[in-house]
Amino acid sequence: METVTTETMTADQRLEELGLSLPPAPKPLGVYKPFLIDGKYLYLSGHGPVQNDKSLIIGRIGQDMDIEQGKLAARQVGLTMLSTMRTHVGSLDKIKRVIKVLGMVNCTPDFLRHPYVINGCSELFAAVWGEENGIGVRSAVGFGSLPDNIPVEIEALFELK
């Protein structure tokens, strides 16, 4: 019998081992598609931090929440994105790698640690697909506001197998 290690686990198995639950995949609240497949690429529209009860995490980092709460919100955005992928693509195992992540942080003008906050999502992706395929190029930027006063919005591009 073959031993399953972290290196040989599939993305779906890694997610299960992490013991994390995925919130419901959000439905668009505007005129856009939450995902689009073009050839071997999967584009995800900006996602917010949807919780398991379908509510959003709300607040501005540096005002309503601290940096650690912001990082957890970014992780929740990552879980929401995984839910969209699993719902529409069928399995996280169909994703070959993360190509690009754009993280937007709703924060006060004096907040300077945007990359730290977005690490909440990036660390999740690295745990699911491994460091080689789970870490892509990335931008992490601050905004004066985001829709519904969510603390983090993230969009991403993935390569399909």
C-alpha atoms as a PDB file:
ATOM      1  CA  MET A   1       0.000   0.000   0.000  1.00  0.00           C
ATOM      2  CA  GLU A   2       1.365   3.406  -1.012  1.00  0.00           C
ATOM      3  CA  THR A   3       1.964   5.879   1.792  1.00  0.00           C
ATOM      4  CA  VAL A   4       0.273   9.244   1.256  1.00  0.00           C
ATOM      5  CA  THR A   5       2.468  12.177   2.238  1.00  0.00           C
ATOM      6  CA  THR A   6       1.855  15.897   1.955  1.00  0.00           C
ATOM      7  CA  GLU A   7       3.888  15.869  -1.269  1.00  0.00           C
ATOM      8  CA  THR A   8       1.740  13.147  -2.871  1.00  0.00           C
ATOM      9  CA  MET A   9      -1.634  14.405  -1.654  1.00  0.00           C
ATOM     10  CA  THR A  10      -4.021  15.995  -4.095  1.00  0.00           C
ATOM     11  CA  ALA A  11      -5.252  19.548  -3.560  1.00  0.00           C
ATOM     12  CA  ASP A  12      -8.639  18.250  -2.398  1.00  0.00           C
ATOM     13  CA  GLN A  13      -6.909  15.920   0.097  1.00  0.00           C
ATOM     14  CA  ARG A  14      -4.731  18.759   1.425  1.00  0.00           C
ATOM     15  CA  LEU A  15      -7.777  20.957   1.957  1.00  0.00           C
ATOM     16  CA  GLU A  16      -9.503  18.137   3.831  1.00  0.00           C
ATOM     17  CA  GLU A  17      -6.399  17.579   5.970  1.00  0.00           C
ATOM     18  CA  LEU A  18      -6.361  21.269   6.890  1.00  0.00           C
ATOM     19  CA  GLY A  19      -9.847  20.758   8.350  1.00  0.00           C
ATOM     20  CA  LEU A  20     -11.234  23.909   6.759  1.00  0.00           C
ATOM     21  CA  SER A  21     -14.815  24.275   5.598  1.00  0.00           C
ATOM     22  CA  LEU A  22     -15.714  26.165   2.466  1.00  0.00           C
ATOM     23  CA  PRO A  23     -18.464  28.772   2.563  1.00  0.00           C
ATOM     24  CA  PRO A  24     -21.167  28.700  -0.109  1.00  0.00           C
ATOM     25  CA  ALA A  25     -19.928  29.959  -3.481  1.00  0.00           C
ATOM     26  CA  PRO A  26     -21.230  33.521  -3.850  1.00  0.00           C
ATOM     27  CA  LYS A  27     -23.585  34.505  -6.633  1.00  0.00           C
ATOM     28  CA  PRO A  28     -22.845  37.709  -8.583  1.00  0.00           C
ATOM     29  CA  LEU A  29     -24.490  40.833  -7.165  1.00  0.00           C
ATOM     30  CA  GLY A  30     -23.772  42.803 -10.328  1.00  0.00           C
ATOM     31  CA  VAL A  31     -23.273  42.377 -14.048  1.00  0.00           C
ATOM     32  CA  TYR A  32     -20.254  40.067 -14.161  1.00  0.00           C
ATOM     33  CA  LYS A  33     -19.243  36.404 -14.090  1.00  0.00           C
ATOM     34  CA  PRO A  34     -17.624  35.045 -10.913  1.00  0.00           C
ATOM     35  CA  PHE A  35     -15.308  32.893 -13.052  1.00  0.00           C
ATOM     36  CA  LEU A  36     -14.346  32.457 -16.673  1.00  0.00           C
ATOM     37  CA  ILE A  37     -12.448  29.640 -18.337  1.00  0.00           C
ATOM     38  CA  ASP A  38     -10.420  30.555 -21.423  1.00  0.00           C
ATOM     39  CA  GLY A  39      -8.494  27.590 -22.790  1.00  0.00           C
ATOM     40  CA  LYS A  40      -6.256  26.414 -19.986  1.00  0.00           C
ATOM     41  CA  TYR A  41      -6.818  29.471 -17.782  1.00  0.00           C
ATOM     42  CA  LEU A  42      -9.346  30.061 -15.018  1.00  0.00           C
ATOM     43  CA  TYR A  43     -10.009  33.682 -14.133  1.00  0.00           C
ATOM     44  CA  LEU A  44     -11.756  34.493 -10.862  1.00  0.00           C
ATOM     45  CA  SER A  45     -13.453  37.849 -10.387  1.00  0.00           C
ATOM     46  CA  GLY A  46     -12.853  39.750  -7.189  1.00  0.00           C
ATOM     47  CA  HIS A  47     -14.132  37.794  -4.192  1.00  0.00           C
ATOM     48  CA  GLY A  48     -14.904  39.001  -0.688  1.00  0.00           C
ATOM     49  CA  PRO A  49     -14.805  37.233   2.676  1.00  0.00           C
ATOM     50  CA  VAL A  50     -18.000  35.142   2.659  1.00  0.00           C
ATOM     51  CA  GLN A  51     -18.594  33.237   5.877  1.00  0.00           C
ATOM     52  CA  ASN A  52     -20.289  29.852   6.227  1.00  0.00           C
ATOM     53  CA  ASP A  53     -23.640  31.532   7.005  1.00  0.00           C
ATOM     54  CA  LYS A  54     -23.332  33.560   3.734  1.00  0.00           C
ATOM     55  CA  SER A  55     -22.688  36.814   5.625  1.00  0.00           C
ATOM     56  CA  LEU A  56     -19.645  38.965   4.828  1.00  0.00           C
ATOM     57  CA  ILE A  57     -16.842  39.955   7.146  1.00  0.00           C
ATOM     58  CA  ILE A  58     -17.135  43.744   7.332  1.00  0.00           C
ATOM     59  CA  GLY A  59     -14.689  46.430   8.434  1.00  0.00           C
ATOM     60  CA  ARG A  60     -11.763  48.637   7.552  1.00  0.00           C
ATOM     61  CA  ILE A  61      -8.279  47.541   8.596  1.00  0.00           C
ATOM     62  CA  GLY A  62      -6.633  50.081  10.879  1.00  0.00           C
ATOM     63  CA  GLN A  63     -10.028  51.377  11.989  1.00  0.00           C
ATOM     64  CA  ASP A  64     -12.509  48.548  12.666  1.00  0.00           C
ATOM     65  CA  MET A  65     -10.094  45.624  12.723  1.00  0.00           C
ATOM     66  CA  ASP A  66      -6.416  44.986  13.321  1.00  0.00           C
ATOM     67  CA  ILE A  67      -3.849  43.449  10.988  1.00  0.00           C
ATOM     68  CA  GLU A  68      -4.379  39.878  12.265  1.00  0.00           C
ATOM     69  CA  GLN A  69      -8.143  40.135  11.744  1.00  0.00           C
ATOM     70  CA  GLY A  70      -7.376  41.452   8.258  1.00  0.00           C
ATOM     71  CA  LYS A  71      -5.136  38.469   7.529  1.00  0.00           C
ATOM     72  CA  LEU A  72      -7.895  36.096   8.679  1.00  0.00           C
ATOM     73  CA  ALA A  73     -10.350  37.948   6.405  1.00  0.00           C
ATOM     74  CA  ALA A  74      -7.941  37.417   3.474  1.00  0.00           C
ATOM     75  CA  ARG A  75      -7.802  33.714   4.333  1.00  0.00           C
ATOM     76  CA  GLN A  76     -11.607  33.653   4.317  1.00  0.00           C
ATOM     77  CA  VAL A  77     -11.558  35.268   0.857  1.00  0.00           C
ATOM     78  CA  GLY A  78      -9.237  32.434  -0.230  1.00  0.00           C
ATOM     79  CA  LEU A  79     -11.715  29.869   1.107  1.00  0.00           C
ATOM     80  CA  THR A  80     -14.505  31.638  -0.779  1.00  0.00           C
ATOM     81  CA  MET A  81     -12.452  31.460  -3.971  1.00  0.00           C
ATOM     82  CA  LEU A  82     -11.811  27.741  -3.415  1.00  0.00           C
ATOM     83  CA  SER A  83     -15.561  27.285  -3.028  1.00  0.00           C
ATOM     84  CA  THR A  84     -16.204  29.016  -6.361  1.00  0.00           C
ATOM     85  CA  MET A  85     -13.599  26.805  -8.032  1.00  0.00           C
ATOM     86  CA  ARG A  86     -14.929  23.595  -6.544  1.00  0.00           C
ATOM     87  CA  THR A  87     -18.539  24.538  -7.350  1.00  0.00           C
ATOM     88  CA  HIS A  88     -17.903  25.482 -10.970  1.00  0.00           C
ATOM     89  CA  VAL A  89     -14.883  23.356 -11.943  1.00  0.00           C
ATOM     90  CA  GLY A  90     -15.710  20.309  -9.821  1.00  0.00           C
ATOM     91  CA  SER A  91     -12.425  19.716  -8.011  1.00  0.00           C
ATOM     92  CA  LEU A  92      -9.409  21.679  -6.837  1.00  0.00           C
ATOM     93  CA  ASP A  93      -7.344  18.892  -8.396  1.00  0.00           C
ATOM     94  CA  LYS A  94      -8.169  20.349 -11.823  1.00  0.00           C
ATOM     95  CA  ILE A  95      -6.058  23.404 -10.983  1.00  0.00           C
ATOM     96  CA  LYS A  96      -2.431  23.067 -12.068  1.00  0.00           C
ATOM     97  CA  ARG A  97      -1.116  26.227 -10.426  1.00  0.00           C
ATOM     98  CA  VAL A  98      -1.746  29.736  -9.197  1.00  0.00           C
ATOM     99  CA  ILE A  99      -0.505  32.270 -11.733  1.00  0.00           C
ATOM    100  CA  LYS A 100      -1.458  35.670 -10.308  1.00  0.00           C
ATOM    101  CA  VAL A 101      -3.209  37.090  -7.267  1.00  0.00           C
ATOM    102  CA  LEU A 102      -4.352  40.705  -6.867  1.00  0.00           C
ATOM    103  CA  GLY A 103      -5.194  41.542  -3.263  1.00  0.00           C
ATOM    104  CA  MET A 104      -7.036  44.746  -2.412  1.00  0.00           C
ATOM    105  CA  VAL A 105      -7.081  45.898   1.202  1.00  0.00           C
ATOM    106  CA  ASN A 106      -9.692  48.311   2.583  1.00  0.00           C
ATOM    107  CA  CYS A 107      -7.584  50.273   5.047  1.00  0.00           C
ATOM    108  CA  THR A 108      -6.818  53.618   6.621  1.00  0.00           C
ATOM    109  CA  PRO A 109      -4.359  55.894   4.757  1.00  0.00           C
ATOM    110  CA  ASP A 110      -1.601  55.241   7.315  1.00  0.00           C
ATOM    111  CA  PHE A 111      -1.793  51.425   6.983  1.00  0.00           C
ATOM    112  CA  LEU A 112       1.331  50.061   5.271  1.00  0.00           C
ATOM    113  CA  ARG A 113       1.306  46.259   5.614  1.00  0.00           C
ATOM    114  CA  HIS A 114      -0.930  45.224   2.719  1.00  0.00           C
ATOM    115  CA  PRO A 115       1.287  42.239   1.737  1.00  0.00           C
ATOM    116  CA  TYR A 116       1.040  40.820   5.262  1.00  0.00           C
ATOM    117  CA  VAL A 117      -2.765  40.886   5.090  1.00  0.00           C
ATOM    118  CA  ILE A 118      -2.898  39.222   1.653  1.00  0.00           C
ATOM    119  CA  ASN A 119      -0.556  36.497   2.947  1.00  0.00           C
ATOM    120  CA  GLY A 120      -3.696  35.067   4.588  1.00  0.00           C
ATOM    121  CA  CYS A 121      -4.880  33.999   1.134  1.00  0.00           C
ATOM    122  CA  SER A 122      -1.454  33.237  -0.322  1.00  0.00           C
ATOM    123  CA  GLU A 123      -0.532  30.939   2.582  1.00  0.00           C
ATOM    124  CA  LEU A 124      -3.818  29.074   2.102  1.00  0.00           C
ATOM    125  CA  PHE A 125      -3.162  28.546  -1.616  1.00  0.00           C
ATOM    126  CA  ALA A 126       0.396  27.358  -0.842  1.00  0.00           C
ATOM    127  CA  ALA A 127      -1.018  24.866   1.686  1.00  0.00           C
ATOM    128  CA  VAL A 128      -3.558  23.544  -0.850  1.00  0.00           C
ATOM    129  CA  TRP A 129      -1.373  23.292  -3.989  1.00  0.00           C
ATOM    130  CA  GLY A 130       2.103  23.211  -2.406  1.00  0.00           C
ATOM    131  CA  GLU A 131       4.749  25.913  -2.612  1.00  0.00           C
ATOM    132  CA  GLU A 132       5.722  25.163  -6.211  1.00  0.00           C
ATOM    133  CA  ASN A 133       2.203  25.445  -7.662  1.00  0.00           C
ATOM    134  CA  GLY A 134       0.366  27.376  -4.951  1.00  0.00           C
ATOM    135  CA  ILE A 135       2.454  30.541  -5.064  1.00  0.00           C
ATOM    136  CA  GLY A 136       2.208  32.793  -8.082  1.00  0.00           C
ATOM    137  CA  VAL A 137       2.998  36.416  -8.805  1.00  0.00           C
ATOM    138  CA  ARG A 138       1.083  38.866  -6.641  1.00  0.00           C
ATOM    139  CA  SER A 139       0.160  42.456  -5.965  1.00  0.00           C
ATOM    140  CA  ALA A 140      -1.170  43.682  -2.626  1.00  0.00           C
ATOM    141  CA  VAL A 141      -2.509  47.235  -2.585  1.00  0.00           C
ATOM    142  CA  GLY A 142      -4.500  49.510  -0.310  1.00  0.00           C
ATOM    143  CA  PHE A 143      -7.849  51.102  -1.115  1.00  0.00           C
ATOM    144  CA  GLY A 144      -9.876  53.817   0.600  1.00  0.00           C
ATOM    145  CA  SER A 145     -12.982  51.626   0.398  1.00  0.00           C
ATOM    146  CA  LEU A 146     -14.250  48.331  -0.996  1.00  0.00           C
ATOM    147  CA  PRO A 147     -17.803  47.146  -1.775  1.00  0.00           C
ATOM    148  CA  ASP A 148     -20.053  46.792   1.295  1.00  0.00           C
ATOM    149  CA  ASN A 149     -17.070  47.852   3.466  1.00  0.00           C
ATOM    150  CA  ILE A 150     -15.426  44.409   3.186  1.00  0.00           C
ATOM    151  CA  PRO A 151     -11.816  44.440   4.453  1.00  0.00           C
ATOM    152  CA  VAL A 152     -10.318  42.459   1.557  1.00  0.00           C
ATOM    153  CA  GLU A 153     -11.157  41.674  -2.065  1.00  0.00           C
ATOM    154  CA  ILE A 154      -9.019  39.295  -4.117  1.00  0.00           C
ATOM    155  CA  GLU A 155      -9.044  38.280  -7.765  1.00  0.00           C
ATOM    156  CA  ALA A 156      -6.815  35.611  -9.289  1.00  0.00           C
ATOM    157  CA  LEU A 157      -5.722  33.733 -12.368  1.00  0.00           C
ATOM    158  CA  PHE A 158      -5.051  29.977 -12.354  1.00  0.00           C
ATOM    159  CA  GLU A 159      -3.743  27.485 -14.911  1.00  0.00           C
ATOM    160  CA  LEU A 160      -5.869  24.382 -15.411  1.00  0.00           C
ATOM    161  CA  LYS A 161      -4.451  20.886 -15.918  1.00  0.00           C
END
